[in-house]
């Protein structure tokens, strides 16, 4: 993937510092990634199937399909949180590039 081509991963609770195109620091919940720990993540079906050129994760042995449909989850979220305030979702410093 080339910069500016879209396909930017969206995440919460993760902070990345990228310098010269290389990952220099990754934090989860404000803590460095611990190779001895197991982490779980939630992704939509498009990404799980390798959308936007990402690796296919729906073939991974630990993958669990919840059966939730992306559009239904979004619809429920919007209904629950309306009116949506875009300022609450500004990415801030989640990814620092130098």
PDB file of N, CA and C in Angstrom:
ATOM      1  N   UNK A   1       0.837  -1.171   0.000  1.00  0.00           N
ATOM      2  CA  UNK A   1       0.000   0.000   0.000  1.00  0.00           C
ATOM      3  C   UNK A   1       0.886   1.239   0.000  1.00  0.00           C
ATOM      4  N   UNK A   2       0.504   2.191  -0.782  1.00  0.00           N
ATOM      5  CA  UNK A   2       1.282   3.418  -0.850  1.00  0.00           C
ATOM      6  C   UNK A   2       0.602   4.508  -0.025  1.00  0.00           C
ATOM      7  N   UNK A   3       1.390   5.401   0.590  1.00  0.00           N
ATOM      8  CA  UNK A   3       0.788   6.487   1.373  1.00  0.00           C
ATOM      9  C   UNK A   3      -0.191   7.285   0.528  1.00  0.00           C
ATOM     10  N   UNK A   4      -1.301   7.636   1.138  1.00  0.00           N
ATOM     11  CA  UNK A   4      -2.317   8.420   0.444  1.00  0.00           C
ATOM     12  C   UNK A   4      -3.284   7.594  -0.385  1.00  0.00           C
ATOM     13  N   UNK A   5      -3.099   6.276  -0.428  1.00  0.00           N
ATOM     14  CA  UNK A   5      -3.947   5.418  -1.252  1.00  0.00           C
ATOM     15  C   UNK A   5      -5.194   4.948  -0.515  1.00  0.00           C
ATOM     16  N   UNK A   6      -5.409   5.458   0.692  1.00  0.00           N
ATOM     17  CA  UNK A   6      -6.523   4.957   1.491  1.00  0.00           C
ATOM     18  C   UNK A   6      -6.045   3.751   2.266  1.00  0.00           C
ATOM     19  N   UNK A   7      -6.937   2.884   2.618  1.00  0.00           N
ATOM     20  CA  UNK A   7      -6.598   1.649   3.324  1.00  0.00           C
ATOM     21  C   UNK A   7      -5.898   1.909   4.645  1.00  0.00           C
ATOM     22  N   UNK A   8      -6.197   3.046   5.270  1.00  0.00           N
ATOM     23  CA  UNK A   8      -5.595   3.361   6.559  1.00  0.00           C
ATOM     24  C   UNK A   8      -6.334   2.589   7.632  1.00  0.00           C
ATOM     25  N   UNK A   9      -5.611   1.793   8.379  1.00  0.00           N
ATOM     26  CA  UNK A   9      -6.238   1.005   9.448  1.00  0.00           C
ATOM     27  C   UNK A   9      -6.836   1.932  10.502  1.00  0.00           C
ATOM     28  N   UNK A  10      -8.045   1.650  10.923  1.00  0.00           N
ATOM     29  CA  UNK A  10      -8.717   2.409  11.974  1.00  0.00           C
ATOM     30  C   UNK A  10      -8.673   1.583  13.247  1.00  0.00           C
ATOM     31  N   UNK A  11      -8.266   2.201  14.340  1.00  0.00           N
ATOM     32  CA  UNK A  11      -8.181   1.463  15.585  1.00  0.00           C
ATOM     33  C   UNK A  11      -8.361   2.376  16.780  1.00  0.00           C
ATOM     34  N   UNK A  12      -8.648   1.777  17.913  1.00  0.00           N
ATOM     35  CA  UNK A  12      -8.803   2.518  19.166  1.00  0.00           C
ATOM     36  C   UNK A  12      -7.927   1.837  20.209  1.00  0.00           C
ATOM     37  N   UNK A  13      -7.313   2.643  21.066  1.00  0.00           N
ATOM     38  CA  UNK A  13      -6.481   2.094  22.126  1.00  0.00           C
ATOM     39  C   UNK A  13      -5.078   1.745  21.684  1.00  0.00           C
ATOM     40  N   UNK A  14      -4.731   2.067  20.436  1.00  0.00           N
ATOM     41  CA  UNK A  14      -3.414   1.768  19.887  1.00  0.00           C
ATOM     42  C   UNK A  14      -2.762   3.079  19.464  1.00  0.00           C
ATOM     43  N   UNK A  15      -1.486   3.232  19.767  1.00  0.00           N
ATOM     44  CA  UNK A  15      -0.719   4.401  19.307  1.00  0.00           C
ATOM     45  C   UNK A  15       0.523   3.893  18.588  1.00  0.00           C
ATOM     46  N   UNK A  16       0.801   4.491  17.437  1.00  0.00           N
ATOM     47  CA  UNK A  16       1.959   4.094  16.636  1.00  0.00           C
ATOM     48  C   UNK A  16       2.852   5.303  16.410  1.00  0.00           C
ATOM     49  N   UNK A  17       4.162   5.068  16.436  1.00  0.00           N
ATOM     50  CA  UNK A  17       5.129   6.106  16.036  1.00  0.00           C
ATOM     51  C   UNK A  17       5.907   5.526  14.864  1.00  0.00           C
ATOM     52  N   UNK A  18       5.789   6.196  13.709  1.00  0.00           N
ATOM     53  CA  UNK A  18       6.425   5.737  12.483  1.00  0.00           C
ATOM     54  C   UNK A  18       7.443   6.783  12.061  1.00  0.00           C
ATOM     55  N   UNK A  19       8.668   6.357  11.850  1.00  0.00           N
ATOM     56  CA  UNK A  19       9.727   7.264  11.410  1.00  0.00           C
ATOM     57  C   UNK A  19      10.364   6.696  10.148  1.00  0.00           C
ATOM     58  N   UNK A  20      10.453   7.525   9.125  1.00  0.00           N
ATOM     59  CA  UNK A  20      11.052   7.081   7.874  1.00  0.00           C
ATOM     60  C   UNK A  20      10.370   5.864   7.283  1.00  0.00           C
ATOM     61  N   UNK A  21       9.060   5.749   7.503  1.00  0.00           N
ATOM     62  CA  UNK A  21       8.309   4.622   6.962  1.00  0.00           C
ATOM     63  C   UNK A  21       8.421   3.346   7.777  1.00  0.00           C
ATOM     64  N   UNK A  22       9.113   3.387   8.921  1.00  0.00           N
ATOM     65  CA  UNK A  22       9.262   2.192   9.758  1.00  0.00           C
ATOM     66  C   UNK A  22       8.619   2.405  11.122  1.00  0.00           C
ATOM     67  N   UNK A  23       7.976   1.370  11.609  1.00  0.00           N
ATOM     68  CA  UNK A  23       7.365   1.404  12.923  1.00  0.00           C
ATOM     69  C   UNK A  23       8.455   1.434  13.986  1.00  0.00           C
ATOM     70  N   UNK A  24       8.437   2.460  14.828  1.00  0.00           N
ATOM     71  CA  UNK A  24       9.439   2.605  15.891  1.00  0.00           C
ATOM     72  C   UNK A  24       8.869   2.319  17.260  1.00  0.00           C
ATOM     73  N   UNK A  25       7.550   2.541  17.419  1.00  0.00           N
ATOM     74  CA  UNK A  25       6.925   2.279  18.713  1.00  0.00           C
ATOM     75  C   UNK A  25       5.458   1.953  18.495  1.00  0.00           C
ATOM     76  N   UNK A  26       4.975   0.970  19.234  1.00  0.00           N
ATOM     77  CA  UNK A  26       3.559   0.616  19.204  1.00  0.00           C
ATOM     78  C   UNK A  26       3.111   0.395  20.647  1.00  0.00           C
ATOM     79  N   UNK A  27       2.037   1.078  21.011  1.00  0.00           N
ATOM     80  CA  UNK A  27       1.492   0.950  22.355  1.00  0.00           C
ATOM     81  C   UNK A  27       0.049   0.488  22.274  1.00  0.00           C
ATOM     82  N   UNK A  28      -0.336  -0.366  23.198  1.00  0.00           N
ATOM     83  CA  UNK A  28      -1.727  -0.796  23.324  1.00  0.00           C
ATOM     84  C   UNK A  28      -2.161  -0.427  24.732  1.00  0.00           C
ATOM     85  N   UNK A  29      -3.193   0.388  24.817  1.00  0.00           N
ATOM     86  CA  UNK A  29      -3.646   0.847  26.126  1.00  0.00           C
ATOM     87  C   UNK A  29      -2.567   1.617  26.871  1.00  0.00           C
ATOM     88  N   UNK A  30      -1.708   2.307  26.119  1.00  0.00           N
ATOM     89  CA  UNK A  30      -0.650   3.109  26.722  1.00  0.00           C
ATOM     90  C   UNK A  30       0.575   2.326  27.148  1.00  0.00           C
ATOM     91  N   UNK A  31       0.587   1.024  26.891  1.00  0.00           N
ATOM     92  CA  UNK A  31       1.698   0.156  27.292  1.00  0.00           C
ATOM     93  C   UNK A  31       2.358  -0.464  26.061  1.00  0.00           C
ATOM     94  N   UNK A  32       3.688  -0.682  26.127  1.00  0.00           N
ATOM     95  CA  UNK A  32       4.346  -1.365  25.006  1.00  0.00           C
ATOM     96  C   UNK A  32       3.750  -2.761  24.792  1.00  0.00           C
ATOM     97  N   UNK A  33       3.763  -3.199  23.561  1.00  0.00           N
ATOM     98  CA  UNK A  33       3.270  -4.544  23.256  1.00  0.00           C
ATOM     99  C   UNK A  33       4.157  -5.564  23.964  1.00  0.00           C
ATOM    100  N   UNK A  34       3.519  -6.490  24.649  1.00  0.00           N
ATOM    101  CA  UNK A  34       4.221  -7.538  25.384  1.00  0.00           C
ATOM    102  C   UNK A  34       4.143  -8.820  24.557  1.00  0.00           C
ATOM    103  N   UNK A  35       5.284  -9.304  24.034  1.00  0.00           N
ATOM    104  CA  UNK A  35       5.251 -10.512  23.197  1.00  0.00           C
ATOM    105  C   UNK A  35       4.731 -11.749  23.930  1.00  0.00           C
ATOM    106  N   UNK A  36       4.728 -11.720  25.255  1.00  0.00           N
ATOM    107  CA  UNK A  36       4.254 -12.874  26.023  1.00  0.00           C
ATOM    108  C   UNK A  36       2.739 -12.858  26.219  1.00  0.00           C
ATOM    109  N   UNK A  37       2.097 -11.739  25.881  1.00  0.00           N
ATOM    110  CA  UNK A  37       0.650 -11.633  26.061  1.00  0.00           C
ATOM    111  C   UNK A  37      -0.095 -11.991  24.783  1.00  0.00           C
ATOM    112  N   UNK A  38      -1.353 -12.317  24.951  1.00  0.00           N
ATOM    113  CA  UNK A  38      -2.254 -12.542  23.828  1.00  0.00           C
ATOM    114  C   UNK A  38      -3.213 -11.361  23.771  1.00  0.00           C
ATOM    115  N   UNK A  39      -3.378 -10.782  22.600  1.00  0.00           N
ATOM    116  CA  UNK A  39      -4.268  -9.642  22.407  1.00  0.00           C
ATOM    117  C   UNK A  39      -5.406 -10.051  21.484  1.00  0.00           C
ATOM    118  N   UNK A  40      -6.562  -9.455  21.697  1.00  0.00           N
ATOM    119  CA  UNK A  40      -7.709  -9.676  20.819  1.00  0.00           C
ATOM    120  C   UNK A  40      -8.036  -8.372  20.127  1.00  0.00           C
ATOM    121  N   UNK A  41      -8.562  -8.487  18.916  1.00  0.00           N
ATOM    122  CA  UNK A  41      -8.999  -7.297  18.207  1.00  0.00           C
ATOM    123  C   UNK A  41     -10.290  -7.613  17.477  1.00  0.00           C
ATOM    124  N   UNK A  42     -11.024  -6.563  17.211  1.00  0.00           N
ATOM    125  CA  UNK A  42     -12.266  -6.708  16.457  1.00  0.00           C
ATOM    126  C   UNK A  42     -12.065  -6.034  15.103  1.00  0.00           C
ATOM    127  N   UNK A  43     -12.475  -6.703  14.061  1.00  0.00           N
ATOM    128  CA  UNK A  43     -12.406  -6.141  12.710  1.00  0.00           C
ATOM    129  C   UNK A  43     -13.700  -6.471  11.984  1.00  0.00           C
ATOM    130  N   UNK A  44     -13.994  -5.671  10.975  1.00  0.00           N
ATOM    131  CA  UNK A  44     -15.205  -5.968  10.217  1.00  0.00           C
ATOM    132  C   UNK A  44     -14.928  -7.063   9.186  1.00  0.00           C
ATOM    133  N   UNK A  45     -15.980  -7.583   8.598  1.00  0.00           N
ATOM    134  CA  UNK A  45     -15.845  -8.719   7.683  1.00  0.00           C
ATOM    135  C   UNK A  45     -15.036  -8.376   6.441  1.00  0.00           C
ATOM    136  N   UNK A  46     -15.128  -7.125   5.970  1.00  0.00           N
ATOM    137  CA  UNK A  46     -14.363  -6.700   4.801  1.00  0.00           C
ATOM    138  C   UNK A  46     -12.869  -6.827   5.072  1.00  0.00           C
ATOM    139  N   UNK A  47     -12.426  -6.307   6.212  1.00  0.00           N
ATOM    140  CA  UNK A  47     -11.007  -6.382   6.567  1.00  0.00           C
ATOM    141  C   UNK A  47     -10.594  -7.834   6.839  1.00  0.00           C
ATOM    142  N   UNK A  48     -11.450  -8.589   7.517  1.00  0.00           N
ATOM    143  CA  UNK A  48     -11.132  -9.984   7.832  1.00  0.00           C
ATOM    144  C   UNK A  48     -10.913 -10.805   6.569  1.00  0.00           C
ATOM    145  N   UNK A  49     -11.593 -10.427   5.493  1.00  0.00           N
ATOM    146  CA  UNK A  49     -11.474 -11.150   4.220  1.00  0.00           C
ATOM    147  C   UNK A  49     -10.311 -10.647   3.371  1.00  0.00           C
ATOM    148  N   UNK A  50      -9.502  -9.727   3.917  1.00  0.00           N
ATOM    149  CA  UNK A  50      -8.349  -9.229   3.175  1.00  0.00           C
ATOM    150  C   UNK A  50      -8.633  -7.960   2.394  1.00  0.00           C
ATOM    151  N   UNK A  51      -9.706  -7.249   2.764  1.00  0.00           N
ATOM    152  CA  UNK A  51     -10.050  -6.009   2.075  1.00  0.00           C
ATOM    153  C   UNK A  51      -8.934  -4.977   2.152  1.00  0.00           C
ATOM    154  N   UNK A  52      -8.859  -4.134   1.140  1.00  0.00           N
ATOM    155  CA  UNK A  52      -7.846  -3.079   1.009  1.00  0.00           C
ATOM    156  C   UNK A  52      -6.423  -3.635   0.996  1.00  0.00           C
ATOM    157  N   UNK A  53      -6.286  -4.900   0.654  1.00  0.00           N
ATOM    158  CA  UNK A  53      -4.952  -5.481   0.522  1.00  0.00           C
ATOM    159  C   UNK A  53      -4.330  -5.961   1.827  1.00  0.00           C
ATOM    160  N   UNK A  54      -5.087  -5.919   2.912  1.00  0.00           N
ATOM    161  CA  UNK A  54      -4.563  -6.419   4.185  1.00  0.00           C
ATOM    162  C   UNK A  54      -4.559  -7.943   4.180  1.00  0.00           C
ATOM    163  N   UNK A  55      -3.759  -8.557   5.057  1.00  0.00           N
ATOM    164  CA  UNK A  55      -3.749 -10.031   5.115  1.00  0.00           C
ATOM    165  C   UNK A  55      -5.119 -10.576   5.504  1.00  0.00           C
ATOM    166  N   UNK A  56      -5.468 -11.723   4.951  1.00  0.00           N
ATOM    167  CA  UNK A  56      -6.731 -12.369   5.312  1.00  0.00           C
ATOM    168  C   UNK A  56      -6.609 -12.917   6.727  1.00  0.00           C
ATOM    169  N   UNK A  57      -7.520 -12.495   7.575  1.00  0.00           N
ATOM    170  CA  UNK A  57      -7.521 -12.980   8.952  1.00  0.00           C
ATOM    171  C   UNK A  57      -8.652 -13.966   9.212  1.00  0.00           C
ATOM    172  N   UNK A  58      -9.615 -14.032   8.305  1.00  0.00           N
ATOM    173  CA  UNK A  58     -10.740 -14.933   8.536  1.00  0.00           C
ATOM    174  C   UNK A  58     -10.374 -16.404   8.348  1.00  0.00           C
ATOM    175  N   UNK A  59      -9.134 -16.671   7.959  1.00  0.00           N
ATOM    176  CA  UNK A  59      -8.655 -18.045   7.847  1.00  0.00           C
ATOM    177  C   UNK A  59      -7.784 -18.434   9.047  1.00  0.00           C
ATOM    178  N   UNK A  60      -7.507 -17.471   9.912  1.00  0.00           N
ATOM    179  CA  UNK A  60      -6.654 -17.704  11.088  1.00  0.00           C
ATOM    180  C   UNK A  60      -7.386 -18.626  12.065  1.00  0.00           C
ATOM    181  N   UNK A  61      -6.687 -19.562  12.707  1.00  0.00           N
ATOM    182  CA  UNK A  61      -7.355 -20.499  13.627  1.00  0.00           C
ATOM    183  C   UNK A  61      -8.079 -19.810  14.789  1.00  0.00           C
ATOM    184  N   UNK A  62      -7.639 -18.632  15.187  1.00  0.00           N
ATOM    185  CA  UNK A  62      -8.283 -17.948  16.304  1.00  0.00           C
ATOM    186  C   UNK A  62      -9.419 -17.024  15.896  1.00  0.00           C
ATOM    187  N   UNK A  63      -9.693 -16.947  14.589  1.00  0.00           N
ATOM    188  CA  UNK A  63     -10.739 -16.048  14.093  1.00  0.00           C
ATOM    189  C   UNK A  63     -12.115 -16.532  14.540  1.00  0.00           C
ATOM    190  N   UNK A  64     -12.931 -15.607  15.026  1.00  0.00           N
ATOM    191  CA  UNK A  64     -14.303 -15.916  15.427  1.00  0.00           C
ATOM    192  C   UNK A  64     -15.245 -14.981  14.674  1.00  0.00           C
ATOM    193  N   UNK A  65     -16.171 -15.533  13.941  1.00  0.00           N
ATOM    194  CA  UNK A  65     -17.184 -14.743  13.253  1.00  0.00           C
ATOM    195  C   UNK A  65     -18.358 -14.596  14.201  1.00  0.00           C
ATOM    196  N   UNK A  66     -18.617 -13.373  14.661  1.00  0.00           N
ATOM    197  CA  UNK A  66     -19.695 -13.125  15.613  1.00  0.00           C
ATOM    198  C   UNK A  66     -21.070 -13.181  14.969  1.00  0.00           C
ATOM    199  N   UNK A  67     -21.103 -13.063  13.645  1.00  0.00           N
ATOM    200  CA  UNK A  67     -22.379 -13.042  12.955  1.00  0.00           C
ATOM    201  C   UNK A  67     -22.983 -11.651  12.849  1.00  0.00           C
ATOM    202  N   UNK A  68     -22.351 -10.668  13.516  1.00  0.00           N
ATOM    203  CA  UNK A  68     -22.841  -9.299  13.411  1.00  0.00           C
ATOM    204  C   UNK A  68     -22.582  -8.778  12.005  1.00  0.00           C
ATOM    205  N   UNK A  69     -23.514  -8.015  11.477  1.00  0.00           N
ATOM    206  CA  UNK A  69     -23.366  -7.417  10.159  1.00  0.00           C
ATOM    207  C   UNK A  69     -22.921  -5.974  10.356  1.00  0.00           C
ATOM    208  N   UNK A  70     -21.839  -5.599   9.671  1.00  0.00           N
ATOM    209  CA  UNK A  70     -21.232  -4.278   9.834  1.00  0.00           C
ATOM    210  C   UNK A  70     -22.254  -3.145   9.750  1.00  0.00           C
ATOM    211  N   UNK A  71     -23.069  -3.161   8.725  1.00  0.00           N
ATOM    212  CA  UNK A  71     -24.023  -2.078   8.508  1.00  0.00           C
ATOM    213  C   UNK A  71     -25.049  -1.999   9.640  1.00  0.00           C
ATOM    214  N   UNK A  72     -25.455  -3.142  10.173  1.00  0.00           N
ATOM    215  CA  UNK A  72     -26.421  -3.139  11.276  1.00  0.00           C
ATOM    216  C   UNK A  72     -25.803  -2.556  12.545  1.00  0.00           C
ATOM    217  N   UNK A  73     -24.545  -2.876  12.801  1.00  0.00           N
ATOM    218  CA  UNK A  73     -23.846  -2.343  13.973  1.00  0.00           C
ATOM    219  C   UNK A  73     -23.707  -0.827  13.842  1.00  0.00           C
ATOM    220  N   UNK A  74     -23.321  -0.360  12.657  1.00  0.00           N
ATOM    221  CA  UNK A  74     -23.191   1.080  12.434  1.00  0.00           C
ATOM    222  C   UNK A  74     -24.543   1.773  12.613  1.00  0.00           C
ATOM    223  N   UNK A  75     -25.595   1.206  12.043  1.00  0.00           N
ATOM    224  CA  UNK A  75     -26.931   1.792  12.168  1.00  0.00           C
ATOM    225  C   UNK A  75     -27.334   1.901  13.632  1.00  0.00           C
ATOM    226  N   UNK A  76     -27.107   0.859  14.411  1.00  0.00           N
ATOM    227  CA  UNK A  76     -27.447   0.871  15.837  1.00  0.00           C
ATOM    228  C   UNK A  76     -26.631   1.915  16.590  1.00  0.00           C
ATOM    229  N   UNK A  77     -25.351   2.037  16.254  1.00  0.00           N
ATOM    230  CA  UNK A  77     -24.481   3.018  16.909  1.00  0.00           C
ATOM    231  C   UNK A  77     -24.973   4.436  16.636  1.00  0.00           C
ATOM    232  N   UNK A  78     -25.263   4.725  15.365  1.00  0.00           N
ATOM    233  CA  UNK A  78     -25.726   6.062  14.992  1.00  0.00           C
ATOM    234  C   UNK A  78     -27.048   6.369  15.700  1.00  0.00           C
ATOM    235  N   UNK A  79     -27.947   5.423  15.732  1.00  0.00           N
ATOM    236  CA  UNK A  79     -29.235   5.637  16.403  1.00  0.00           C
ATOM    237  C   UNK A  79     -29.033   5.919  17.888  1.00  0.00           C
ATOM    238  N   UNK A  80     -28.133   5.215  18.515  1.00  0.00           N
ATOM    239  CA  UNK A  80     -27.887   5.372  19.952  1.00  0.00           C
ATOM    240  C   UNK A  80     -27.157   6.669  20.283  1.00  0.00           C
ATOM    241  N   UNK A  81     -26.275   7.146  19.391  1.00  0.00           N
ATOM    242  CA  UNK A  81     -25.418   8.298  19.687  1.00  0.00           C
ATOM    243  C   UNK A  81     -25.786   9.567  18.921  1.00  0.00           C
ATOM    244  N   UNK A  82     -26.922   9.588  18.255  1.00  0.00           N
ATOM    245  CA  UNK A  82     -27.321  10.769  17.485  1.00  0.00           C
ATOM    246  C   UNK A  82     -27.709  11.910  18.421  1.00  0.00           C
ATOM    247  N   UNK A  83     -27.413  13.138  18.047  1.00  0.00           N
ATOM    248  CA  UNK A  83     -26.679  13.483  16.833  1.00  0.00           C
ATOM    249  C   UNK A  83     -25.188  13.185  16.994  1.00  0.00           C
ATOM    250  N   UNK A  84     -24.571  12.706  15.920  1.00  0.00           N
ATOM    251  CA  UNK A  84     -23.148  12.382  15.929  1.00  0.00           C
ATOM    252  C   UNK A  84     -22.341  13.678  15.974  1.00  0.00           C
ATOM    253  N   UNK A  85     -21.376  13.718  16.864  1.00  0.00           N
ATOM    254  CA  UNK A  85     -20.476  14.864  16.979  1.00  0.00           C
ATOM    255  C   UNK A  85     -19.110  14.444  16.460  1.00  0.00           C
ATOM    256  N   UNK A  86     -18.798  14.861  15.224  1.00  0.00           N
ATOM    257  CA  UNK A  86     -17.573  14.432  14.554  1.00  0.00           C
ATOM    258  C   UNK A  86     -16.320  14.729  15.377  1.00  0.00           C
ATOM    259  N   UNK A  87     -16.317  15.802  16.130  1.00  0.00           N
ATOM    260  CA  UNK A  87     -15.140  16.178  16.922  1.00  0.00           C
ATOM    261  C   UNK A  87     -14.755  15.107  17.941  1.00  0.00           C
ATOM    262  N   UNK A  88     -15.701  14.280  18.341  1.00  0.00           N
ATOM    263  CA  UNK A  88     -15.396  13.211  19.306  1.00  0.00           C
ATOM    264  C   UNK A  88     -14.557  12.092  18.681  1.00  0.00           C
ATOM    265  N   UNK A  89     -14.454  12.075  17.359  1.00  0.00           N
ATOM    266  CA  UNK A  89     -13.789  10.971  16.669  1.00  0.00           C
ATOM    267  C   UNK A  89     -12.536  11.395  15.909  1.00  0.00           C
ATOM    268  N   UNK A  90     -11.993  12.543  16.255  1.00  0.00           N
ATOM    269  CA  UNK A  90     -10.753  13.019  15.632  1.00  0.00           C
ATOM    270  C   UNK A  90      -9.629  12.065  16.063  1.00  0.00           C
ATOM    271  N   UNK A  91      -8.804  11.594  15.122  1.00  0.00           N
ATOM    272  CA  UNK A  91      -7.778  10.611  15.481  1.00  0.00           C
ATOM    273  C   UNK A  91      -6.686  11.129  16.411  1.00  0.00           C
ATOM    274  N   UNK A  92      -6.502  12.447  16.463  1.00  0.00           N
ATOM    275  CA  UNK A  92      -5.507  12.985  17.383  1.00  0.00           C
ATOM    276  C   UNK A  92      -4.114  12.481  17.073  1.00  0.00           C
ATOM    277  N   UNK A  93      -3.436  11.981  18.080  1.00  0.00           N
ATOM    278  CA  UNK A  93      -2.044  11.538  17.913  1.00  0.00           C
ATOM    279  C   UNK A  93      -1.915  10.020  17.903  1.00  0.00           C
ATOM    280  N   UNK A  94      -2.922   9.327  17.401  1.00  0.00           N
ATOM    281  CA  UNK A  94      -2.876   7.863  17.364  1.00  0.00           C
ATOM    282  C   UNK A  94      -1.728   7.350  16.503  1.00  0.00           C
ATOM    283  N   UNK A  95      -1.419   8.085  15.433  1.00  0.00           N
ATOM    284  CA  UNK A  95      -0.298   7.705  14.570  1.00  0.00           C
ATOM    285  C   UNK A  95       0.583   8.939  14.391  1.00  0.00           C
ATOM    286  N   UNK A  96       1.813   8.852  14.858  1.00  0.00           N
ATOM    287  CA  UNK A  96       2.768   9.932  14.707  1.00  0.00           C
ATOM    288  C   UNK A  96       3.746   9.566  13.616  1.00  0.00           C
ATOM    289  N   UNK A  97       3.813  10.383  12.565  1.00  0.00           N
ATOM    290  CA  UNK A  97       4.741  10.149  11.452  1.00  0.00           C
ATOM    291  C   UNK A  97       5.793  11.239  11.454  1.00  0.00           C
ATOM    292  N   UNK A  98       7.012  10.818  11.240  1.00  0.00           N
ATOM    293  CA  UNK A  98       8.121  11.780  11.142  1.00  0.00           C
ATOM    294  C   UNK A  98       8.924  11.483   9.912  1.00  0.00           C
TER     295      UNK A  98
END
